[in-house]
């Protein structure tokens, strides 16, 4: 599975961005997907995840109520709608995938096999 992120950019605090992750190479609907982020000098952190069907989602506490993860399997696309962006949200946002037939969402980096290069999100205060 190959994944390519897009949609990052510069936004004012309180603003919104929608990140996209385009997948190819395998049957996207077989994969649980997630968004992770890495800020400079910090570890890569889980942001949001979604099961292969889209019926199960999970979020980091820091983004609950502000971010929404979704997917369109027919379009091989994963999304992250980010609202009410805060000064602590800037990072390189990466999507990741793992082939799994169960209704699960992994929250750990080593749960995922396929990774994109990321898209940069910057928030101005």
Protein backbone atom coordinates (compact mmCIF):
# COMPACT_ATOMS: atom_id res chain seq x y z
CA UNK A 1 0.00 0.00 0.00
CA UNK A 2 1.29 3.43 -0.96
CA UNK A 3 -0.10 6.51 0.74
CA UNK A 4 0.40 10.19 -0.05
CA UNK A 5 -0.79 13.00 2.20
CA UNK A 6 -1.92 16.46 1.15
CA UNK A 7 -3.78 19.45 2.50
CA UNK A 8 -1.35 20.83 5.01
CA UNK A 9 -0.49 24.50 5.23
CA UNK A 10 -0.49 27.62 7.35
CA UNK A 11 -3.64 28.54 9.25
CA UNK A 12 -4.46 30.93 12.06
CA UNK A 13 -5.27 29.61 15.50
CA UNK A 14 -8.95 28.75 15.60
CA UNK A 15 -9.01 27.96 11.91
CA UNK A 16 -9.56 24.70 10.05
CA UNK A 17 -7.74 22.43 7.65
CA UNK A 18 -8.70 19.20 5.93
CA UNK A 19 -5.94 16.70 5.33
CA UNK A 20 -6.25 13.97 2.72
CA UNK A 21 -4.42 10.70 2.28
CA UNK A 22 -4.60 9.03 -1.13
CA UNK A 23 -3.92 5.29 -1.17
CA UNK A 24 -2.92 3.02 -4.03
CA UNK A 25 -1.45 -0.36 -4.72
CA UNK A 26 -3.68 -2.55 -2.60
CA UNK A 27 -7.37 -2.85 -1.70
CA UNK A 28 -7.80 0.17 0.54
CA UNK A 29 -10.90 -1.23 2.19
CA UNK A 30 -8.83 -4.02 3.76
CA UNK A 31 -6.78 -1.56 5.80
CA UNK A 32 -7.25 0.11 9.14
CA UNK A 33 -5.86 3.62 8.85
CA UNK A 34 -4.62 6.30 11.19
CA UNK A 35 -3.15 9.76 11.40
CA UNK A 36 -0.03 10.43 13.45
CA UNK A 37 1.88 13.64 13.97
CA UNK A 38 5.42 14.57 14.89
CA UNK A 39 6.38 17.99 16.16
CA UNK A 40 10.05 19.07 16.07
CA UNK A 41 12.02 17.40 18.85
CA UNK A 42 9.10 15.20 19.90
CA UNK A 43 7.99 11.64 19.41
CA UNK A 44 5.48 10.63 16.77
CA UNK A 45 2.04 10.70 18.41
CA UNK A 46 -1.26 9.07 17.53
CA UNK A 47 -3.91 11.57 16.45
CA UNK A 48 -6.87 9.59 15.10
CA UNK A 49 -7.64 6.18 13.67
CA UNK A 50 -10.40 4.45 11.75
CA UNK A 51 -11.24 0.83 11.13
CA UNK A 52 -11.37 -0.71 7.66
CA UNK A 53 -15.16 -0.22 7.52
CA UNK A 54 -15.17 3.29 8.94
CA UNK A 55 -17.52 2.23 11.72
CA UNK A 56 -14.94 2.45 14.51
CA UNK A 57 -12.87 5.54 15.24
CA UNK A 58 -10.56 6.61 18.03
CA UNK A 59 -8.89 9.89 18.91
CA UNK A 60 -6.14 11.23 21.07
CA UNK A 61 -7.55 13.14 24.04
CA UNK A 62 -5.89 16.31 22.81
CA UNK A 63 -7.95 16.40 19.60
CA UNK A 64 -11.29 14.92 20.68
CA UNK A 65 -14.14 17.19 19.71
CA UNK A 66 -11.96 19.16 17.28
CA UNK A 67 -10.71 16.61 14.74
CA UNK A 68 -12.72 14.09 12.72
CA UNK A 69 -11.28 11.13 10.84
CA UNK A 70 -13.18 9.64 7.91
CA UNK A 71 -12.62 7.53 4.84
CA UNK A 72 -14.10 6.82 1.43
CA UNK A 73 -13.11 3.29 0.47
CA UNK A 74 -14.52 3.61 -3.05
CA UNK A 75 -12.21 6.60 -3.61
CA UNK A 76 -9.22 5.14 -1.73
CA UNK A 77 -9.13 8.22 0.46
CA UNK A 78 -8.59 8.95 4.13
CA UNK A 79 -9.36 12.35 5.62
CA UNK A 80 -8.69 14.34 8.76
CA UNK A 81 -10.90 17.37 9.34
CA UNK A 82 -9.16 19.64 11.82
CA UNK A 83 -11.19 22.43 13.43
CA UNK A 84 -10.35 24.92 16.17
CA UNK A 85 -6.65 24.50 15.54
CA UNK A 86 -4.43 25.42 18.45
CA UNK A 87 -0.80 26.57 18.73
CA UNK A 88 0.11 23.08 20.01
CA UNK A 89 -1.20 21.34 16.86
CA UNK A 90 1.60 22.20 14.37
CA UNK A 91 3.48 19.11 13.23
CA UNK A 92 4.20 16.85 10.31
CA UNK A 93 1.02 14.82 9.90
CA UNK A 94 1.39 11.33 8.45
CA UNK A 95 -1.15 8.71 7.51
CA UNK A 96 -0.49 5.05 8.14
CA UNK A 97 -2.15 1.76 7.29
CA UNK A 98 -2.24 -1.87 8.30
CA UNK A 99 -4.09 -4.72 6.65
CA UNK A 100 -6.53 -6.13 9.20
CA UNK A 101 -9.89 -7.85 8.87
CA UNK A 102 -11.13 -7.01 12.33
CA UNK A 103 -13.03 -3.94 13.46
CA UNK A 104 -10.01 -2.44 15.20
CA UNK A 105 -8.13 0.81 15.48
CA UNK A 106 -4.49 0.75 16.55
CA UNK A 107 -3.04 3.64 18.53
CA UNK A 108 0.62 2.70 18.44
CA UNK A 109 3.24 3.43 15.82
CA UNK A 110 4.30 -0.21 15.56
CA UNK A 111 0.70 -1.22 14.80
CA UNK A 112 1.09 0.14 11.27
CA UNK A 113 3.12 -1.12 8.35
CA UNK A 114 2.64 1.47 5.61
CA UNK A 115 3.46 5.15 6.06
CA UNK A 116 3.36 8.30 4.00
CA UNK A 117 5.92 11.10 3.97
CA UNK A 118 3.60 13.53 5.68
CA UNK A 119 2.14 16.98 5.18
CA UNK A 120 3.16 19.95 7.30
CA UNK A 121 0.62 21.85 9.38
CA UNK A 122 1.56 25.25 10.81
CA UNK A 123 -0.63 27.31 13.11
CA UNK A 124 -0.05 31.01 13.65
CA UNK A 125 -1.21 32.64 16.86
